[in-house]
Amino acid sequence: MWSEEEAEHEFMQSLEKFMAERLTPIGPPPRMGFQSVNLFAFFNCIQQLGGYDKVTATKQWRDVYQHLGGTTLINSAAASARKQYEKYLLAYERYVQSGPTDCMTS
């Protein structure tokens, strides 16, 4: 069993490799509001809620934003969370769900 730190390290290595192979490197860490986003925590939060499609269908993006430490007083909170996930993690989620053979078609 991996520790949280080991799991996060493994996740980030896998994500960075995936993004580099797609020629879309992550670059500087994403930000929502004035805070950096922990991609590991962000990905796990969405997965625990059932994945991108379910979070979108049930309009939970504002809750996700709040869970990650943002304030829901910001009108664009839901859109910001969704946009960051789409940019940094959605293709990876699809890759993980469908397997390595479909990663370039996401």
PDB file of N, CA and C in Angstrom:
ATOM      1  N   MET A   1       0.840  -1.186   0.000  1.00  0.00           N
ATOM      2  CA  MET A   1       0.000   0.000   0.000  1.00  0.00           C
ATOM      3  C   MET A   1       0.882   1.245   0.000  1.00  0.00           C
ATOM      4  N   TRP A   2       0.549   2.167  -0.849  1.00  0.00           N
ATOM      5  CA  TRP A   2       1.338   3.403  -0.957  1.00  0.00           C
ATOM      6  C   TRP A   2       0.859   4.443   0.035  1.00  0.00           C
ATOM      7  N   SER A   3       1.817   5.265   0.464  1.00  0.00           N
ATOM      8  CA  SER A   3       1.442   6.418   1.279  1.00  0.00           C
ATOM      9  C   SER A   3       0.813   7.461   0.357  1.00  0.00           C
ATOM     10  N   GLU A   4       0.183   8.432   0.936  1.00  0.00           N
ATOM     11  CA  GLU A   4      -0.444   9.511   0.152  1.00  0.00           C
ATOM     12  C   GLU A   4       0.600  10.221  -0.710  1.00  0.00           C
ATOM     13  N   GLU A   5       1.779  10.471  -0.138  1.00  0.00           N
ATOM     14  CA  GLU A   5       2.847  11.147  -0.883  1.00  0.00           C
ATOM     15  C   GLU A   5       3.318  10.307  -2.060  1.00  0.00           C
ATOM     16  N   GLU A   6       3.467   8.997  -1.836  1.00  0.00           N
ATOM     17  CA  GLU A   6       3.895   8.106  -2.918  1.00  0.00           C
ATOM     18  C   GLU A   6       2.834   8.021  -4.013  1.00  0.00           C
ATOM     19  N   ALA A   7       1.588   7.955  -3.603  1.00  0.00           N
ATOM     20  CA  ALA A   7       0.493   7.901  -4.577  1.00  0.00           C
ATOM     21  C   ALA A   7       0.445   9.190  -5.402  1.00  0.00           C
ATOM     22  N   GLU A   8       0.630  10.325  -4.740  1.00  0.00           N
ATOM     23  CA  GLU A   8       0.633  11.595  -5.465  1.00  0.00           C
ATOM     24  C   GLU A   8       1.814  11.677  -6.425  1.00  0.00           C
ATOM     25  N   HIS A   9       2.970  11.242  -5.975  1.00  0.00           N
ATOM     26  CA  HIS A   9       4.162  11.252  -6.829  1.00  0.00           C
ATOM     27  C   HIS A   9       3.951  10.370  -8.063  1.00  0.00           C
ATOM     28  N   GLU A  10       3.418   9.194  -7.856  1.00  0.00           N
ATOM     29  CA  GLU A  10       3.163   8.259  -8.956  1.00  0.00           C
ATOM     30  C   GLU A  10       2.135   8.849  -9.936  1.00  0.00           C
ATOM     31  N   PHE A  11       1.092   9.449  -9.381  1.00  0.00           N
ATOM     32  CA  PHE A  11       0.065  10.089 -10.211  1.00  0.00           C
ATOM     33  C   PHE A  11       0.682  11.192 -11.071  1.00  0.00           C
ATOM     34  N   MET A  12       1.470  12.053 -10.453  1.00  0.00           N
ATOM     35  CA  MET A  12       2.053  13.174 -11.193  1.00  0.00           C
ATOM     36  C   MET A  12       3.010  12.687 -12.266  1.00  0.00           C
ATOM     37  N   GLN A  13       3.775  11.661 -11.991  1.00  0.00           N
ATOM     38  CA  GLN A  13       4.665  11.108 -13.012  1.00  0.00           C
ATOM     39  C   GLN A  13       3.856  10.581 -14.197  1.00  0.00           C
ATOM     40  N   SER A  14       2.789   9.863 -13.908  1.00  0.00           N
ATOM     41  CA  SER A  14       1.942   9.308 -14.957  1.00  0.00           C
ATOM     42  C   SER A  14       1.271  10.422 -15.767  1.00  0.00           C
ATOM     43  N   LEU A  15       0.750  11.419 -15.066  1.00  0.00           N
ATOM     44  CA  LEU A  15       0.096  12.545 -15.740  1.00  0.00           C
ATOM     45  C   LEU A  15       1.085  13.317 -16.605  1.00  0.00           C
ATOM     46  N   GLU A  16       2.249  13.621 -16.079  1.00  0.00           N
ATOM     47  CA  GLU A  16       3.256  14.369 -16.833  1.00  0.00           C
ATOM     48  C   GLU A  16       3.715  13.597 -18.066  1.00  0.00           C
ATOM     49  N   LYS A  17       3.888  12.297 -17.929  1.00  0.00           N
ATOM     50  CA  LYS A  17       4.277  11.471 -19.079  1.00  0.00           C
ATOM     51  C   LYS A  17       3.178  11.485 -20.137  1.00  0.00           C
ATOM     52  N   PHE A  18       1.943  11.302 -19.711  1.00  0.00           N
ATOM     53  CA  PHE A  18       0.803  11.328 -20.621  1.00  0.00           C
ATOM     54  C   PHE A  18       0.728  12.666 -21.361  1.00  0.00           C
ATOM     55  N   MET A  19       0.836  13.758 -20.627  1.00  0.00           N
ATOM     56  CA  MET A  19       0.736  15.087 -21.239  1.00  0.00           C
ATOM     57  C   MET A  19       1.904  15.340 -22.197  1.00  0.00           C
ATOM     58  N   ALA A  20       3.099  14.914 -21.830  1.00  0.00           N
ATOM     59  CA  ALA A  20       4.265  15.099 -22.697  1.00  0.00           C
ATOM     60  C   ALA A  20       4.106  14.313 -24.000  1.00  0.00           C
ATOM     61  N   GLU A  21       3.582  13.101 -23.905  1.00  0.00           N
ATOM     62  CA  GLU A  21       3.362  12.290 -25.105  1.00  0.00           C
ATOM     63  C   GLU A  21       2.335  12.911 -26.039  1.00  0.00           C
ATOM     64  N   ARG A  22       1.417  13.676 -25.486  1.00  0.00           N
ATOM     65  CA  ARG A  22       0.400  14.366 -26.286  1.00  0.00           C
ATOM     66  C   ARG A  22       0.904  15.734 -26.758  1.00  0.00           C
ATOM     67  N   LEU A  23       2.123  16.070 -26.364  1.00  0.00           N
ATOM     68  CA  LEU A  23       2.727  17.375 -26.673  1.00  0.00           C
ATOM     69  C   LEU A  23       1.941  18.523 -26.041  1.00  0.00           C
ATOM     70  N   THR A  24       1.391  18.259 -24.855  1.00  0.00           N
ATOM     71  CA  THR A  24       0.686  19.279 -24.086  1.00  0.00           C
ATOM     72  C   THR A  24       1.207  19.267 -22.651  1.00  0.00           C
ATOM     73  N   PRO A  25       2.481  19.639 -22.460  1.00  0.00           N
ATOM     74  CA  PRO A  25       3.046  19.583 -21.109  1.00  0.00           C
ATOM     75  C   PRO A  25       2.258  20.478 -20.146  1.00  0.00           C
ATOM     76  N   ILE A  26       2.278  20.104 -18.892  1.00  0.00           N
ATOM     77  CA  ILE A  26       1.500  20.828 -17.886  1.00  0.00           C
ATOM     78  C   ILE A  26       1.995  22.249 -17.685  1.00  0.00           C
ATOM     79  N   GLY A  27       3.294  22.447 -17.648  1.00  0.00           N
ATOM     80  CA  GLY A  27       3.829  23.787 -17.416  1.00  0.00           C
ATOM     81  C   GLY A  27       3.638  24.191 -15.971  1.00  0.00           C
ATOM     82  N   PRO A  28       3.453  25.491 -15.732  1.00  0.00           N
ATOM     83  CA  PRO A  28       3.270  25.929 -14.342  1.00  0.00           C
ATOM     84  C   PRO A  28       1.962  25.373 -13.783  1.00  0.00           C
ATOM     85  N   PRO A  29       1.910  25.156 -12.476  1.00  0.00           N
ATOM     86  CA  PRO A  29       0.699  24.602 -11.880  1.00  0.00           C
ATOM     87  C   PRO A  29      -0.516  25.495 -12.152  1.00  0.00           C
ATOM     88  N   PRO A  30      -1.654  24.889 -12.397  1.00  0.00           N
ATOM     89  CA  PRO A  30      -2.852  25.689 -12.642  1.00  0.00           C
ATOM     90  C   PRO A  30      -3.282  26.436 -11.384  1.00  0.00           C
ATOM     91  N   ARG A  31      -4.040  27.502 -11.590  1.00  0.00           N
ATOM     92  CA  ARG A  31      -4.527  28.301 -10.473  1.00  0.00           C
ATOM     93  C   ARG A  31      -6.024  28.499 -10.613  1.00  0.00           C
ATOM     94  N   MET A  32      -6.678  28.479  -9.472  1.00  0.00           N
ATOM     95  CA  MET A  32      -8.084  28.858  -9.418  1.00  0.00           C
ATOM     96  C   MET A  32      -8.162  29.952  -8.366  1.00  0.00           C
ATOM     97  N   GLY A  33      -8.657  31.088  -8.780  1.00  0.00           N
ATOM     98  CA  GLY A  33      -8.612  32.219  -7.871  1.00  0.00           C
ATOM     99  C   GLY A  33      -7.161  32.588  -7.661  1.00  0.00           C
ATOM    100  N   PHE A  34      -6.754  32.689  -6.419  1.00  0.00           N
ATOM    101  CA  PHE A  34      -5.370  33.040  -6.108  1.00  0.00           C
ATOM    102  C   PHE A  34      -4.567  31.851  -5.602  1.00  0.00           C
ATOM    103  N   GLN A  35      -5.124  30.643  -5.736  1.00  0.00           N
ATOM    104  CA  GLN A  35      -4.467  29.464  -5.195  1.00  0.00           C
ATOM    105  C   GLN A  35      -4.025  28.506  -6.288  1.00  0.00           C
ATOM    106  N   SER A  36      -2.867  27.876  -6.051  1.00  0.00           N
ATOM    107  CA  SER A  36      -2.435  26.794  -6.931  1.00  0.00           C
ATOM    108  C   SER A  36      -3.329  25.588  -6.682  1.00  0.00           C
ATOM    109  N   VAL A  37      -3.544  24.818  -7.727  1.00  0.00           N
ATOM    110  CA  VAL A  37      -4.407  23.642  -7.628  1.00  0.00           C
ATOM    111  C   VAL A  37      -3.539  22.397  -7.533  1.00  0.00           C
ATOM    112  N   ASN A  38      -3.816  21.569  -6.572  1.00  0.00           N
ATOM    113  CA  ASN A  38      -3.158  20.274  -6.444  1.00  0.00           C
ATOM    114  C   ASN A  38      -3.878  19.330  -7.407  1.00  0.00           C
ATOM    115  N   LEU A  39      -3.229  18.975  -8.503  1.00  0.00           N
ATOM    116  CA  LEU A  39      -3.878  18.161  -9.531  1.00  0.00           C
ATOM    117  C   LEU A  39      -4.267  16.776  -9.024  1.00  0.00           C
ATOM    118  N   PHE A  40      -3.483  16.227  -8.135  1.00  0.00           N
ATOM    119  CA  PHE A  40      -3.800  14.932  -7.549  1.00  0.00           C
ATOM    120  C   PHE A  40      -5.105  15.002  -6.754  1.00  0.00           C
ATOM    121  N   ALA A  41      -5.217  16.012  -5.896  1.00  0.00           N
ATOM    122  CA  ALA A  41      -6.437  16.191  -5.099  1.00  0.00           C
ATOM    123  C   ALA A  41      -7.632  16.501  -6.003  1.00  0.00           C
ATOM    124  N   PHE A  42      -7.412  17.321  -7.022  1.00  0.00           N
ATOM    125  CA  PHE A  42      -8.468  17.702  -7.963  1.00  0.00           C
ATOM    126  C   PHE A  42      -8.994  16.463  -8.690  1.00  0.00           C
ATOM    127  N   PHE A  43      -8.081  15.666  -9.231  1.00  0.00           N
ATOM    128  CA  PHE A  43      -8.466  14.459  -9.957  1.00  0.00           C
ATOM    129  C   PHE A  43      -9.227  13.501  -9.044  1.00  0.00           C
ATOM    130  N   ASN A  44      -8.700  13.267  -7.850  1.00  0.00           N
ATOM    131  CA  ASN A  44      -9.346  12.350  -6.918  1.00  0.00           C
ATOM    132  C   ASN A  44     -10.720  12.840  -6.490  1.00  0.00           C
ATOM    133  N   CYS A  45     -10.867  14.124  -6.286  1.00  0.00           N
ATOM    134  CA  CYS A  45     -12.161  14.698  -5.924  1.00  0.00           C
ATOM    135  C   CYS A  45     -13.196  14.396  -7.012  1.00  0.00           C
ATOM    136  N   ILE A  46     -12.827  14.642  -8.259  1.00  0.00           N
ATOM    137  CA  ILE A  46     -13.753  14.403  -9.373  1.00  0.00           C
ATOM    138  C   ILE A  46     -14.069  12.913  -9.498  1.00  0.00           C
ATOM    139  N   GLN A  47     -13.068  12.069  -9.325  1.00  0.00           N
ATOM    140  CA  GLN A  47     -13.297  10.629  -9.438  1.00  0.00           C
ATOM    141  C   GLN A  47     -14.220  10.133  -8.325  1.00  0.00           C
ATOM    142  N   GLN A  48     -14.060  10.653  -7.121  1.00  0.00           N
ATOM    143  CA  GLN A  48     -14.919  10.254  -6.007  1.00  0.00           C
ATOM    144  C   GLN A  48     -16.368  10.665  -6.237  1.00  0.00           C
ATOM    145  N   LEU A  49     -16.569  11.718  -7.024  1.00  0.00           N
ATOM    146  CA  LEU A  49     -17.926  12.184  -7.336  1.00  0.00           C
ATOM    147  C   LEU A  49     -18.501  11.494  -8.575  1.00  0.00           C
ATOM    148  N   GLY A  50     -17.734  10.595  -9.182  1.00  0.00           N
ATOM    149  CA  GLY A  50     -18.244   9.826 -10.314  1.00  0.00           C
ATOM    150  C   GLY A  50     -17.639  10.189 -11.653  1.00  0.00           C
ATOM    151  N   GLY A  51     -16.673  11.111 -11.676  1.00  0.00           N
ATOM    152  CA  GLY A  51     -16.009  11.488 -12.917  1.00  0.00           C
ATOM    153  C   GLY A  51     -16.589  12.759 -13.526  1.00  0.00           C
ATOM    154  N   TYR A  52     -15.898  13.233 -14.545  1.00  0.00           N
ATOM    155  CA  TYR A  52     -16.240  14.500 -15.202  1.00  0.00           C
ATOM    156  C   TYR A  52     -17.692  14.545 -15.680  1.00  0.00           C
ATOM    157  N   ASP A  53     -18.131  13.498 -16.369  1.00  0.00           N
ATOM    158  CA  ASP A  53     -19.484  13.514 -16.938  1.00  0.00           C
ATOM    159  C   ASP A  53     -20.547  13.634 -15.850  1.00  0.00           C
ATOM    160  N   LYS A  54     -20.365  12.910 -14.770  1.00  0.00           N
ATOM    161  CA  LYS A  54     -21.363  12.965 -13.697  1.00  0.00           C
ATOM    162  C   LYS A  54     -21.324  14.310 -12.975  1.00  0.00           C
ATOM    163  N   VAL A  55     -20.128  14.814 -12.705  1.00  0.00           N
ATOM    164  CA  VAL A  55     -20.012  16.114 -12.039  1.00  0.00           C
ATOM    165  C   VAL A  55     -20.660  17.199 -12.895  1.00  0.00           C
ATOM    166  N   THR A  56     -20.470  17.109 -14.201  1.00  0.00           N
ATOM    167  CA  THR A  56     -21.068  18.075 -15.114  1.00  0.00           C
ATOM    168  C   THR A  56     -22.584  17.919 -15.153  1.00  0.00           C
ATOM    169  N   ALA A  57     -23.063  16.697 -15.269  1.00  0.00           N
ATOM    170  CA  ALA A  57     -24.504  16.447 -15.354  1.00  0.00           C
ATOM    171  C   ALA A  57     -25.237  16.878 -14.085  1.00  0.00           C
ATOM    172  N   THR A  58     -24.574  16.723 -12.941  1.00  0.00           N
ATOM    173  CA  THR A  58     -25.216  17.062 -11.670  1.00  0.00           C
ATOM    174  C   THR A  58     -24.835  18.458 -11.175  1.00  0.00           C
ATOM    175  N   LYS A  59     -24.117  19.181 -12.013  1.00  0.00           N
ATOM    176  CA  LYS A  59     -23.747  20.585 -11.728  1.00  0.00           C
ATOM    177  C   LYS A  59     -23.076  20.747 -10.369  1.00  0.00           C
ATOM    178  N   GLN A  60     -22.035  19.943 -10.153  1.00  0.00           N
ATOM    179  CA  GLN A  60     -21.309  19.973  -8.886  1.00  0.00           C
ATOM    180  C   GLN A  60     -20.005  20.764  -8.948  1.00  0.00           C
ATOM    181  N   TRP A  61     -19.757  21.498 -10.005  1.00  0.00           N
ATOM    182  CA  TRP A  61     -18.472  22.184 -10.149  1.00  0.00           C
ATOM    183  C   TRP A  61     -18.243  23.239  -9.071  1.00  0.00           C
ATOM    184  N   ARG A  62     -19.281  23.932  -8.652  1.00  0.00           N
ATOM    185  CA  ARG A  62     -19.131  24.930  -7.577  1.00  0.00           C
ATOM    186  C   ARG A  62     -18.707  24.234  -6.279  1.00  0.00           C
ATOM    187  N   ASP A  63     -19.288  23.069  -6.001  1.00  0.00           N
ATOM    188  CA  ASP A  63     -18.910  22.301  -4.809  1.00  0.00           C
ATOM    189  C   ASP A  63     -17.458  21.843  -4.890  1.00  0.00           C
ATOM    190  N   VAL A  64     -17.041  21.425  -6.073  1.00  0.00           N
ATOM    191  CA  VAL A  64     -15.651  21.005  -6.277  1.00  0.00           C
ATOM    192  C   VAL A  64     -14.716  22.173  -6.003  1.00  0.00           C
ATOM    193  N   TYR A  65     -15.050  23.322  -6.550  1.00  0.00           N
ATOM    194  CA  TYR A  65     -14.235  24.525  -6.344  1.00  0.00           C
ATOM    195  C   TYR A  65     -14.089  24.819  -4.847  1.00  0.00           C
ATOM    196  N   GLN A  66     -15.185  24.725  -4.135  1.00  0.00           N
ATOM    197  CA  GLN A  66     -15.160  24.979  -2.697  1.00  0.00           C
ATOM    198  C   GLN A  66     -14.330  23.917  -1.983  1.00  0.00           C
ATOM    199  N   HIS A  67     -14.475  22.661  -2.363  1.00  0.00           N
ATOM    200  CA  HIS A  67     -13.708  21.573  -1.753  1.00  0.00           C
ATOM    201  C   HIS A  67     -12.199  21.796  -1.917  1.00  0.00           C
ATOM    202  N   LEU A  68     -11.808  22.381  -3.033  1.00  0.00           N
ATOM    203  CA  LEU A  68     -10.384  22.613  -3.297  1.00  0.00           C
ATOM    204  C   LEU A  68      -9.859  23.878  -2.626  1.00  0.00           C
ATOM    205  N   GLY A  69     -10.713  24.535  -1.851  1.00  0.00           N
ATOM    206  CA  GLY A  69     -10.261  25.690  -1.089  1.00  0.00           C
ATOM    207  C   GLY A  69     -10.677  27.030  -1.642  1.00  0.00           C
ATOM    208  N   GLY A  70     -11.437  27.030  -2.717  1.00  0.00           N
ATOM    209  CA  GLY A  70     -11.903  28.295  -3.286  1.00  0.00           C
ATOM    210  C   GLY A  70     -13.163  28.769  -2.596  1.00  0.00           C
ATOM    211  N   THR A  71     -13.478  30.029  -2.794  1.00  0.00           N
ATOM    212  CA  THR A  71     -14.693  30.587  -2.227  1.00  0.00           C
ATOM    213  C   THR A  71     -15.789  30.574  -3.284  1.00  0.00           C
ATOM    214  N   THR A  72     -16.964  30.145  -2.900  1.00  0.00           N
ATOM    215  CA  THR A  72     -18.063  30.084  -3.863  1.00  0.00           C
ATOM    216  C   THR A  72     -18.733  31.437  -4.026  1.00  0.00           C
ATOM    217  N   LEU A  73     -18.203  32.460  -3.374  1.00  0.00           N
ATOM    218  CA  LEU A  73     -18.738  33.802  -3.562  1.00  0.00           C
ATOM    219  C   LEU A  73     -18.361  34.357  -4.937  1.00  0.00           C
ATOM    220  N   ILE A  74     -17.367  33.739  -5.545  1.00  0.00           N
ATOM    221  CA  ILE A  74     -16.945  34.151  -6.878  1.00  0.00           C
ATOM    222  C   ILE A  74     -17.940  33.588  -7.882  1.00  0.00           C
ATOM    223  N   ASN A  75     -18.526  34.457  -8.691  1.00  0.00           N
ATOM    224  CA  ASN A  75     -19.555  34.033  -9.640  1.00  0.00           C
ATOM    225  C   ASN A  75     -19.061  32.990 -10.626  1.00  0.00           C
ATOM    226  N   SER A  76     -17.813  33.060 -10.988  1.00  0.00           N
ATOM    227  CA  SER A  76     -17.273  32.153 -12.007  1.00  0.00           C
ATOM    228  C   SER A  76     -16.633  30.903 -11.399  1.00  0.00           C
ATOM    229  N   ALA A  77     -16.909  30.598 -10.141  1.00  0.00           N
ATOM    230  CA  ALA A  77     -16.260  29.470  -9.466  1.00  0.00           C
ATOM    231  C   ALA A  77     -16.487  28.160 -10.202  1.00  0.00           C
ATOM    232  N   ALA A  78     -17.720  27.876 -10.549  1.00  0.00           N
ATOM    233  CA  ALA A  78     -18.022  26.611 -11.222  1.00  0.00           C
ATOM    234  C   ALA A  78     -17.336  26.543 -12.577  1.00  0.00           C
ATOM    235  N   ALA A  79     -17.422  27.617 -13.337  1.00  0.00           N
ATOM    236  CA  ALA A  79     -16.796  27.643 -14.665  1.00  0.00           C
ATOM    237  C   ALA A  79     -15.288  27.526 -14.559  1.00  0.00           C
ATOM    238  N   SER A  80     -14.705  28.150 -13.568  1.00  0.00           N
ATOM    239  CA  SER A  80     -13.259  28.092 -13.381  1.00  0.00           C
ATOM    240  C   SER A  80     -12.804  26.670 -13.066  1.00  0.00           C
ATOM    241  N   ALA A  81     -13.490  26.007 -12.158  1.00  0.00           N
ATOM    242  CA  ALA A  81     -13.125  24.630 -11.802  1.00  0.00           C
ATOM    243  C   ALA A  81     -13.257  23.718 -13.014  1.00  0.00           C
ATOM    244  N   ARG A  82     -14.353  23.854 -13.718  1.00  0.00           N
ATOM    245  CA  ARG A  82     -14.582  22.992 -14.888  1.00  0.00           C
ATOM    246  C   ARG A  82     -13.532  23.239 -15.968  1.00  0.00           C
ATOM    247  N   LYS A  83     -13.245  24.491 -16.228  1.00  0.00           N
ATOM    248  CA  LYS A  83     -12.264  24.838 -17.268  1.00  0.00           C
ATOM    249  C   LYS A  83     -10.877  24.299 -16.930  1.00  0.00           C
ATOM    250  N   GLN A  84     -10.478  24.411 -15.676  1.00  0.00           N
ATOM    251  CA  GLN A  84      -9.162  23.904 -15.270  1.00  0.00           C
ATOM    252  C   GLN A  84      -9.107  22.385 -15.392  1.00  0.00           C
ATOM    253  N   TYR A  85     -10.192  21.715 -15.016  1.00  0.00           N
ATOM    254  CA  TYR A  85     -10.215  20.258 -15.133  1.00  0.00           C
ATOM    255  C   TYR A  85     -10.142  19.845 -16.601  1.00  0.00           C
ATOM    256  N   GLU A  86     -10.896  20.516 -17.436  1.00  0.00           N
ATOM    257  CA  GLU A  86     -10.876  20.195 -18.866  1.00  0.00           C
ATOM    258  C   GLU A  86      -9.488  20.402 -19.457  1.00  0.00           C
ATOM    259  N   LYS A  87      -8.828  21.449 -19.039  1.00  0.00           N
ATOM    260  CA  LYS A  87      -7.507  21.765 -19.594  1.00  0.00           C
ATOM    261  C   LYS A  87      -6.427  20.788 -19.120  1.00  0.00           C
ATOM    262  N   TYR A  88      -6.438  20.465 -17.841  1.00  0.00           N
ATOM    263  CA  TYR A  88      -5.328  19.705 -17.271  1.00  0.00           C
ATOM    264  C   TYR A  88      -5.612  18.214 -17.043  1.00  0.00           C
ATOM    265  N   LEU A  89      -6.866  17.830 -16.859  1.00  0.00           N
ATOM    266  CA  LEU A  89      -7.117  16.474 -16.402  1.00  0.00           C
ATOM    267  C   LEU A  89      -8.138  15.664 -17.193  1.00  0.00           C
ATOM    268  N   LEU A  90      -8.970  16.279 -17.983  1.00  0.00           N
ATOM    269  CA  LEU A  90     -10.029  15.524 -18.656  1.00  0.00           C
ATOM    270  C   LEU A  90      -9.472  14.479 -19.615  1.00  0.00           C
ATOM    271  N   ALA A  91      -8.519  14.838 -20.438  1.00  0.00           N
ATOM    272  CA  ALA A  91      -7.942  13.872 -21.377  1.00  0.00           C
ATOM    273  C   ALA A  91      -7.300  12.715 -20.621  1.00  0.00           C
ATOM    274  N   TYR A  92      -6.670  13.022 -19.500  1.00  0.00           N
ATOM    275  CA  TYR A  92      -6.063  11.960 -18.682  1.00  0.00           C
ATOM    276  C   TYR A  92      -7.139  11.052 -18.093  1.00  0.00           C
ATOM    277  N   GLU A  93      -8.232  11.639 -17.632  1.00  0.00           N
ATOM    278  CA  GLU A  93      -9.337  10.818 -17.121  1.00  0.00           C
ATOM    279  C   GLU A  93      -9.847   9.872 -18.199  1.00  0.00           C
ATOM    280  N   ARG A  94     -10.042  10.391 -19.405  1.00  0.00           N
ATOM    281  CA  ARG A  94     -10.513   9.556 -20.512  1.00  0.00           C
ATOM    282  C   ARG A  94      -9.494   8.450 -20.820  1.00  0.00           C
ATOM    283  N   TYR A  95      -8.228   8.800 -20.780  1.00  0.00           N
ATOM    284  CA  TYR A  95      -7.152   7.828 -21.006  1.00  0.00           C
ATOM    285  C   TYR A  95      -7.196   6.713 -19.971  1.00  0.00           C
ATOM    286  N   VAL A  96      -7.325   7.080 -18.715  1.00  0.00           N
ATOM    287  CA  VAL A  96      -7.373   6.091 -17.636  1.00  0.00           C
ATOM    288  C   VAL A  96      -8.611   5.208 -17.787  1.00  0.00           C
ATOM    289  N   GLN A  97      -9.732   5.794 -18.158  1.00  0.00           N
ATOM    290  CA  GLN A  97     -10.972   5.038 -18.300  1.00  0.00           C
ATOM    291  C   GLN A  97     -10.941   4.076 -19.484  1.00  0.00           C
ATOM    292  N   SER A  98     -10.371   4.528 -20.598  1.00  0.00           N
ATOM    293  CA  SER A  98     -10.438   3.733 -21.820  1.00  0.00           C
ATOM    294  C   SER A  98      -9.208   2.878 -22.063  1.00  0.00           C
ATOM    295  N   GLY A  99      -8.131   3.157 -21.381  1.00  0.00           N
ATOM    296  CA  GLY A  99      -6.905   2.398 -21.579  1.00  0.00           C
ATOM    297  C   GLY A  99      -5.955   3.104 -22.525  1.00  0.00           C
ATOM    298  N   PRO A 100      -4.705   2.709 -22.539  1.00  0.00           N
ATOM    299  CA  PRO A 100      -3.655   3.381 -23.310  1.00  0.00           C
ATOM    300  C   PRO A 100      -3.869   3.460 -24.812  1.00  0.00           C
ATOM    301  N   THR A 101      -4.625   2.547 -25.403  1.00  0.00           N
ATOM    302  CA  THR A 101      -4.731   2.541 -26.853  1.00  0.00           C
ATOM    303  C   THR A 101      -5.536   3.716 -27.407  1.00  0.00           C
ATOM    304  N   ASP A 102      -6.400   4.321 -26.563  1.00  0.00           N
ATOM    305  CA  ASP A 102      -7.240   5.411 -27.046  1.00  0.00           C
ATOM    306  C   ASP A 102      -6.777   6.785 -26.594  1.00  0.00           C
ATOM    307  N   CYS A 103      -5.595   6.917 -26.002  1.00  0.00           N
ATOM    308  CA  CYS A 103      -5.185   8.168 -25.395  1.00  0.00           C
ATOM    309  C   CYS A 103      -5.043   9.299 -26.391  1.00  0.00           C
ATOM    310  N   MET A 104      -4.691   9.030 -27.597  1.00  0.00           N
ATOM    311  CA  MET A 104      -4.474  10.107 -28.552  1.00  0.00           C
ATOM    312  C   MET A 104      -5.766  10.595 -29.224  1.00  0.00           C
ATOM    313  N   THR A 105      -6.864   9.916 -28.985  1.00  0.00           N
ATOM    314  CA  THR A 105      -8.108  10.325 -29.614  1.00  0.00           C
ATOM    315  C   THR A 105      -8.989  11.145 -28.688  1.00  0.00           C
ATOM    316  N   SER A 106      -8.572  11.339 -27.433  1.00  0.00           N
ATOM    317  CA  SER A 106      -9.374  12.102 -26.473  1.00  0.00           C
ATOM    318  C   SER A 106      -9.316  13.575 -26.753  1.00  0.00           C
TER     319      SER A 106
END
